[in-house]
Amino acid sequence: MILMFAALAGAIGYGGAALGWALSPKLFGFGWLAALSVWIAWPLGAMALLLIHALTGGRWGKAIHGALAAGVRSMFLLPLFVIPFALTAQRVYPWLSATQFDNSLYLNGPAFLLRCVIYLLIWLVLAVLVGRADNDASELARLAPPGLIVLALTATFACIDAIMSLDPTFASSIFGLVQISEIGALSLSIAALALILAASPDPEALRQIARLLLAFVILWSYLAFMQLLIVWQSDLPREAAWYLRRWSPGWDIVGGVIVLTHFVTPFFTLLSSAAQHSRKAIGFAAASITIGGILHQFWLVAPFAGSSSGMIALLTLSALLAMACTTAIVTRGRKRSWNWIEA
């Protein structure tokens, strides 16, 4: 029944995305990029959390192990989801068709394509290695240090290439860290929601997950604020333009909702010791973080498409629905074909 519902919802998502592509290929490119930047947080974050748990231990990792394993399996859908992104990239990134600008040594078509292929291959290989090592705790622990370093480096450069390069004049030394912290927050929130909805979790594991969620919320908020503070203090036109575009009428409201859902609500919810033992409170905080993360990626990407924010929002939701439903169907259907320990 669940698979049938997911298939129907996925068909609606693909139908909406296809209609958007037919009506406006440029807007489709921005919508698909925003959705892809949200979806990729799930497999990347799942791999990172599995590797972190292999080093640190704790009940939290055992409780959400099944969800994280499914997240790693979903990485093999990435080549499918990258195809529409590749076909519309030239309409999204102005520097792909520009002849000369300041960052042309790094931002050019061949180099961009090469880096994307490298990221894709590294992530797929790492997903295979994590899957094979998951039955052996010592092997997974040996894989964790180099795996986490590789994940951090590739995710940082991938975020710069995919999102920060939408404005080739903008530069931020902590942009990748902001995105990595959001990847962790999103993936842990999704896994926590899956745990809460599927079973009655161990109270101690629930408390540990709540504290980890709070840590990710604080980390993301600190890094995002520091980036804003540095840009504001420097007051350089090429950097200030990044935020001025997002503080224009309409987008400033979206920014305020992001602060509310991504920081204020989960932070003050999870501060309470009682809330850290409450399924409802943790589920509420995790849902708020998820909504905030989706809005944040949309807020980063969509303003570059122009004034058609409503159309891009519909395209983003359609694409994200299609990706999420495909992921649910494939990972659930292939669950037994992987020899992985389930929590």
Protein backbone atom coordinates (compact mmCIF):
# COMPACT_ATOMS: atom_id res chain seq x y z
CA MET A 1 0.00 0.00 0.00
CA ILE A 2 2.81 2.38 0.93
CA LEU A 3 4.69 1.55 -2.27
CA MET A 4 1.57 2.18 -4.35
CA PHE A 5 1.06 5.56 -2.70
CA ALA A 6 4.74 6.41 -3.25
CA ALA A 7 4.49 5.38 -6.89
CA LEU A 8 1.41 7.57 -7.41
CA ALA A 9 3.00 10.56 -5.67
CA GLY A 10 6.22 10.03 -7.63
CA ALA A 11 4.31 9.95 -10.90
CA ILE A 12 2.68 13.27 -9.98
CA GLY A 13 6.09 14.70 -9.17
CA TYR A 14 7.65 13.56 -12.44
CA GLY A 15 4.61 14.81 -14.34
CA GLY A 16 4.90 18.26 -12.77
CA ALA A 17 8.63 18.38 -13.42
CA ALA A 18 8.19 17.29 -17.05
CA LEU A 19 5.53 19.95 -17.58
CA GLY A 20 7.86 22.56 -16.12
CA TRP A 21 10.66 21.45 -18.42
CA ALA A 22 8.37 21.74 -21.43
CA LEU A 23 7.09 25.20 -20.46
CA SER A 24 10.34 26.74 -19.20
CA PRO A 25 13.60 24.76 -19.40
CA LYS A 26 15.52 27.53 -17.62
CA LEU A 27 13.23 27.65 -14.61
CA PHE A 28 13.18 23.85 -14.55
CA GLY A 29 16.96 23.87 -14.20
CA PHE A 30 16.83 26.06 -11.09
CA GLY A 31 13.97 24.04 -9.59
CA TRP A 32 15.74 20.73 -10.19
CA LEU A 33 19.00 22.08 -8.75
CA ALA A 34 17.23 23.24 -5.58
CA ALA A 35 15.57 19.83 -5.18
CA LEU A 36 18.80 17.96 -5.91
CA SER A 37 20.71 20.03 -3.34
CA VAL A 38 18.15 18.91 -0.73
CA TRP A 39 18.03 15.26 -1.80
CA ILE A 40 21.80 14.76 -1.92
CA ALA A 41 21.96 15.57 1.80
CA TRP A 42 20.29 12.23 2.55
CA PRO A 43 22.82 9.77 1.05
CA LEU A 44 25.84 11.93 1.87
CA GLY A 45 24.67 12.56 5.43
CA ALA A 46 23.72 8.92 5.94
CA MET A 47 27.23 7.81 4.94
CA ALA A 48 28.82 10.40 7.18
CA LEU A 49 26.67 9.46 10.19
CA LEU A 50 27.40 5.75 9.75
CA LEU A 51 31.13 6.47 9.64
CA ILE A 52 30.93 8.82 12.63
CA HIS A 53 29.07 6.19 14.63
CA ALA A 54 31.71 3.61 13.72
CA LEU A 55 34.26 5.82 15.48
CA THR A 56 32.22 7.07 18.42
CA GLY A 57 29.67 4.35 19.15
CA GLY A 58 26.48 5.11 21.05
CA ARG A 59 22.90 3.91 21.02
CA TRP A 60 21.81 6.65 18.63
CA GLY A 61 23.59 5.01 15.69
CA LYS A 62 22.15 1.58 16.38
CA ALA A 63 18.64 2.99 16.64
CA ILE A 64 18.73 4.68 13.22
CA HIS A 65 21.06 2.20 11.53
CA GLY A 66 18.38 0.80 9.23
CA ALA A 67 17.39 4.24 7.98
CA LEU A 68 21.01 5.27 7.43
CA ALA A 69 21.76 2.05 5.53
CA ALA A 70 18.81 2.83 3.25
CA GLY A 71 20.22 6.32 2.80
CA VAL A 72 23.56 4.94 1.65
CA ARG A 73 21.79 2.65 -0.83
CA SER A 74 19.99 5.65 -2.29
CA MET A 75 23.33 7.06 -3.46
CA PHE A 76 23.07 4.78 -6.51
CA LEU A 77 20.14 6.87 -7.72
CA LEU A 78 22.37 9.92 -8.04
CA PRO A 79 23.42 9.25 -11.69
CA LEU A 80 19.73 9.20 -12.65
CA PHE A 81 19.01 12.48 -10.88
CA VAL A 82 22.11 14.17 -12.28
CA ILE A 83 20.96 13.74 -15.90
CA PRO A 84 18.35 16.56 -15.87
CA PHE A 85 20.84 18.75 -14.00
CA ALA A 86 23.47 18.16 -16.67
CA LEU A 87 21.03 18.85 -19.52
CA THR A 88 19.98 22.22 -18.08
CA ALA A 89 23.28 23.38 -16.53
CA GLN A 90 24.12 25.82 -19.33
CA ARG A 91 20.86 27.69 -18.69
CA VAL A 92 21.58 27.90 -14.96
CA TYR A 93 25.25 28.89 -14.79
CA PRO A 94 26.10 32.07 -16.73
CA TRP A 95 29.82 31.34 -16.67
CA LEU A 96 29.37 28.19 -18.81
CA SER A 97 28.62 30.39 -21.82
CA ALA A 98 30.84 33.34 -20.87
CA THR A 99 34.12 33.79 -22.70
CA GLN A 100 36.17 35.43 -19.96
CA PHE A 101 35.79 36.48 -16.32
CA ASP A 102 37.86 36.51 -13.14
CA ASN A 103 37.32 32.86 -12.11
CA SER A 104 37.43 31.34 -15.58
CA LEU A 105 40.46 29.19 -14.71
CA TYR A 106 38.30 27.24 -12.25
CA LEU A 107 34.80 27.85 -13.61
CA ASN A 108 34.80 26.52 -17.13
CA GLY A 109 32.89 23.75 -18.86
CA PRO A 110 35.55 21.01 -19.11
CA ALA A 111 36.83 21.52 -15.55
CA PHE A 112 33.27 21.61 -14.18
CA LEU A 113 32.37 18.36 -15.98
CA LEU A 114 35.56 16.66 -14.79
CA ARG A 115 34.94 17.64 -11.17
CA CYS A 116 31.32 16.45 -11.31
CA VAL A 117 32.42 13.06 -12.65
CA ILE A 118 35.06 12.81 -9.89
CA TYR A 119 32.51 13.61 -7.17
CA LEU A 120 30.08 11.07 -8.57
CA LEU A 121 32.65 8.28 -8.82
CA ILE A 122 34.07 8.93 -5.36
CA TRP A 123 30.63 8.92 -3.73
CA LEU A 124 29.55 5.74 -5.51
CA VAL A 125 32.77 3.93 -4.62
CA LEU A 126 32.52 5.08 -1.02
CA ALA A 127 28.89 3.90 -0.84
CA VAL A 128 30.01 0.44 -2.03
CA LEU A 129 32.84 0.35 0.51
CA VAL A 130 30.55 1.41 3.37
CA GLY A 131 28.01 -1.23 2.33
CA ARG A 132 30.61 -4.00 2.25
CA ALA A 133 32.17 -2.95 5.57
CA ASP A 134 28.91 -2.55 7.43
CA ASN A 135 28.87 -6.16 8.65
CA ASP A 136 32.29 -5.71 10.23
CA ALA A 137 32.54 -2.98 12.90
CA SER A 138 36.35 -2.96 12.88
CA GLU A 139 36.51 -2.66 9.09
CA LEU A 140 34.00 0.18 9.10
CA ALA A 141 36.00 1.93 11.85
CA ARG A 142 39.16 1.66 9.69
CA LEU A 143 37.28 3.09 6.73
CA ALA A 144 35.79 5.95 8.75
CA PRO A 145 38.76 8.39 9.03
CA PRO A 146 39.72 8.48 5.32
CA GLY A 147 36.07 8.19 4.32
CA LEU A 148 35.01 11.21 6.38
CA ILE A 149 37.92 13.28 5.05
CA VAL A 150 37.05 12.42 1.45
CA LEU A 151 33.37 13.13 2.07
CA ALA A 152 34.14 16.51 3.64
CA LEU A 153 36.43 17.58 0.79
CA THR A 154 34.19 16.42 -2.05
CA ALA A 155 31.01 17.79 -0.46
CA THR A 156 32.68 21.17 0.09
CA PHE A 157 33.80 21.54 -3.53
CA ALA A 158 30.53 20.12 -4.86
CA CYS A 159 28.55 22.76 -2.92
CA ILE A 160 30.82 25.48 -4.24
CA ASP A 161 30.47 24.24 -7.82
CA ALA A 162 26.72 23.64 -7.72
CA ILE A 163 25.42 26.53 -5.60
CA MET A 164 28.02 29.18 -4.80
CA SER A 165 29.05 29.39 -8.46
CA LEU A 166 25.56 30.62 -9.35
CA ASP A 167 27.21 33.97 -8.64
CA PRO A 168 30.79 33.54 -9.90
CA THR A 169 31.88 36.76 -8.18
CA PHE A 170 30.88 35.64 -4.68
CA ALA A 171 33.47 34.06 -2.40
CA SER A 172 33.14 32.60 1.08
CA SER A 173 35.69 30.46 2.89
CA ILE A 174 33.02 28.80 5.07
CA PHE A 175 30.28 28.26 2.49
CA GLY A 176 31.15 24.56 2.27
CA LEU A 177 31.09 24.20 6.06
CA VAL A 178 27.63 25.77 6.22
CA GLN A 179 26.38 23.28 3.64
CA ILE A 180 28.07 20.30 5.33
CA SER A 181 26.49 21.17 8.69
CA GLU A 182 23.11 21.34 6.95
CA ILE A 183 23.71 17.96 5.32
CA GLY A 184 24.26 16.49 8.77
CA ALA A 185 21.20 18.20 10.23
CA LEU A 186 18.92 17.15 7.37
CA SER A 187 20.03 13.52 7.25
CA LEU A 188 19.80 13.07 11.03
CA SER A 189 16.38 14.72 11.06
CA ILE A 190 15.07 12.40 8.34
CA ALA A 191 16.48 9.35 10.12
CA ALA A 192 14.98 10.52 13.43
CA LEU A 193 11.56 10.97 11.83
CA ALA A 194 11.79 7.51 10.28
CA LEU A 195 12.65 6.02 13.68
CA ILE A 196 9.87 7.82 15.52
CA LEU A 197 7.24 6.90 12.96
CA ALA A 198 8.29 3.25 12.66
CA ALA A 199 8.86 2.09 16.23
CA SER A 200 9.05 2.87 19.92
CA PRO A 201 12.70 3.88 20.22
CA ASP A 202 15.02 3.29 23.15
CA PRO A 203 14.69 6.35 25.46
CA GLU A 204 18.47 6.73 25.79
CA ALA A 205 18.94 6.53 22.02
CA LEU A 206 16.21 9.13 21.62
CA ARG A 207 17.95 11.45 24.07
CA GLN A 208 21.26 11.07 22.24
CA ILE A 209 19.60 11.81 18.89
CA ALA A 210 17.98 14.93 20.37
CA ARG A 211 21.34 16.20 21.60
CA LEU A 212 22.98 15.52 18.26
CA LEU A 213 20.18 17.40 16.49
CA LEU A 214 20.71 20.32 18.86
CA ALA A 215 24.44 20.26 18.13
CA PHE A 216 23.83 20.35 14.37
CA VAL A 217 21.35 23.21 14.76
CA ILE A 218 23.87 25.24 16.78
CA LEU A 219 26.70 24.47 14.35
CA TRP A 220 24.71 25.42 11.26
CA SER A 221 23.37 28.59 12.87
CA TYR A 222 26.81 29.68 14.05
CA LEU A 223 28.45 29.12 10.66
CA ALA A 224 25.61 30.74 8.71
CA PHE A 225 25.67 33.78 11.01
CA MET A 226 29.47 34.07 10.84
CA GLN A 227 29.34 34.05 7.04
CA LEU A 228 26.72 36.82 7.11
CA LEU A 229 28.71 38.79 9.69
CA ILE A 230 31.94 38.59 7.68
CA VAL A 231 30.19 39.74 4.51
CA TRP A 232 28.44 42.57 6.36
CA GLN A 233 31.66 43.70 8.05
CA SER A 234 33.70 43.58 4.84
CA ASP A 235 30.97 45.41 2.90
CA LEU A 236 32.42 44.43 -0.48
CA PRO A 237 29.97 44.90 -3.38
CA ARG A 238 30.72 41.52 -4.97
CA GLU A 239 29.99 39.74 -1.65
CA ALA A 240 27.15 41.93 -0.42
CA ALA A 241 25.25 41.30 -3.67
CA TRP A 242 24.83 37.64 -2.63
CA TYR A 243 22.71 38.68 0.37
CA LEU A 244 21.11 41.76 -1.15
CA ARG A 245 19.51 39.54 -3.77
CA ARG A 246 18.06 37.38 -1.00
CA TRP A 247 16.89 40.32 1.09
CA SER A 248 14.79 41.77 -1.70
CA PRO A 249 11.01 41.96 -1.11
CA GLY A 250 9.55 38.49 -0.76
CA TRP A 251 12.83 36.69 -0.28
CA ASP A 252 13.38 38.44 3.05
CA ILE A 253 10.20 36.72 4.31
CA VAL A 254 11.55 33.34 3.20
CA GLY A 255 14.79 34.16 5.03
CA GLY A 256 12.85 34.93 8.21
CA VAL A 257 10.96 31.62 7.98
CA ILE A 258 14.29 29.82 7.56
CA VAL A 259 15.62 31.39 10.76
CA LEU A 260 12.42 30.38 12.55
CA THR A 261 12.31 26.77 11.33
CA HIS A 262 16.02 26.01 11.05
CA PHE A 263 17.17 27.60 14.29
CA VAL A 264 14.64 29.20 16.67
CA THR A 265 12.05 26.42 16.82
CA PRO A 266 14.34 23.36 17.06
CA PHE A 267 16.86 25.14 19.30
CA PHE A 268 14.40 26.18 21.99
CA THR A 269 12.49 22.90 21.68
CA LEU A 270 15.53 20.68 22.16
CA LEU A 271 17.03 22.75 24.99
CA SER A 272 14.53 21.24 27.39
CA SER A 273 15.58 18.03 29.13
CA ALA A 274 11.98 16.84 29.06
CA ALA A 275 11.78 17.44 25.30
CA GLN A 276 14.91 15.35 24.78
CA HIS A 277 12.96 12.36 26.07
CA SER A 278 9.76 13.12 24.17
CA ARG A 279 9.03 11.48 20.82
CA LYS A 280 6.62 14.26 19.89
CA ALA A 281 9.05 17.05 20.74
CA ILE A 282 11.94 15.45 18.88
CA GLY A 283 9.72 14.67 15.91
CA PHE A 284 8.51 18.28 15.87
CA ALA A 285 12.08 19.58 16.00
CA ALA A 286 13.24 17.17 13.28
CA ALA A 287 10.33 18.14 11.03
CA SER A 288 11.10 21.82 11.59
CA ILE A 289 14.77 21.30 10.66
CA THR A 290 13.76 19.41 7.53
CA ILE A 291 11.41 22.18 6.42
CA GLY A 292 14.05 24.78 7.21
CA GLY A 293 16.67 22.90 5.22
CA ILE A 294 14.40 22.63 2.17
CA LEU A 295 13.59 26.33 2.36
CA HIS A 296 17.24 27.23 2.80
CA GLN A 297 18.35 25.40 -0.34
CA PHE A 298 15.46 26.97 -2.25
CA TRP A 299 16.47 30.40 -0.89
CA LEU A 300 20.03 29.85 -2.06
CA VAL A 301 19.15 28.78 -5.61
CA ALA A 302 15.84 30.28 -6.71
CA PRO A 303 16.62 34.05 -6.51
CA PHE A 304 18.98 33.70 -9.49
CA ALA A 305 16.11 32.62 -11.72
CA GLY A 306 14.42 36.02 -11.65
CA SER A 307 10.94 36.99 -10.50
CA SER A 308 9.14 33.68 -11.21
CA SER A 309 9.52 32.43 -7.64
CA GLY A 310 6.09 30.77 -7.55
CA MET A 311 6.80 28.69 -10.64
CA ILE A 312 10.22 27.67 -9.33
CA ALA A 313 8.69 26.69 -5.99
CA LEU A 314 6.23 24.37 -7.75
CA LEU A 315 9.02 22.90 -9.87
CA THR A 316 11.21 22.37 -6.80
CA LEU A 317 8.40 20.62 -4.91
CA SER A 318 7.58 18.45 -7.94
CA ALA A 319 11.21 17.45 -8.41
CA LEU A 320 11.73 16.80 -4.71
CA LEU A 321 8.55 14.70 -4.56
CA ALA A 322 9.75 12.67 -7.54
CA MET A 323 13.20 12.11 -6.00
CA ALA A 324 11.85 11.25 -2.55
CA CYS A 325 9.29 8.76 -3.85
CA THR A 326 11.81 7.11 -6.17
CA THR A 327 14.21 6.79 -3.26
CA ALA A 328 11.54 5.28 -1.00
CA ILE A 329 10.48 2.73 -3.64
CA VAL A 330 13.98 1.66 -4.65
CA THR A 331 15.50 1.43 -1.17
CA ARG A 332 12.48 -0.40 0.22
CA GLY A 333 12.34 -2.75 -2.74
CA ARG A 334 16.06 -3.56 -2.61
CA LYS A 335 16.21 -3.84 1.16
CA ARG A 336 16.58 -7.62 1.23
CA SER A 337 19.11 -7.75 -1.59
CA TRP A 338 21.75 -6.08 0.56
CA ASN A 339 23.43 -8.13 3.26
CA TRP A 340 23.37 -5.32 5.77
CA ILE A 341 22.56 -5.48 9.46
CA GLU A 342 19.32 -3.73 10.30
CA ALA A 343 18.79 -2.09 13.64
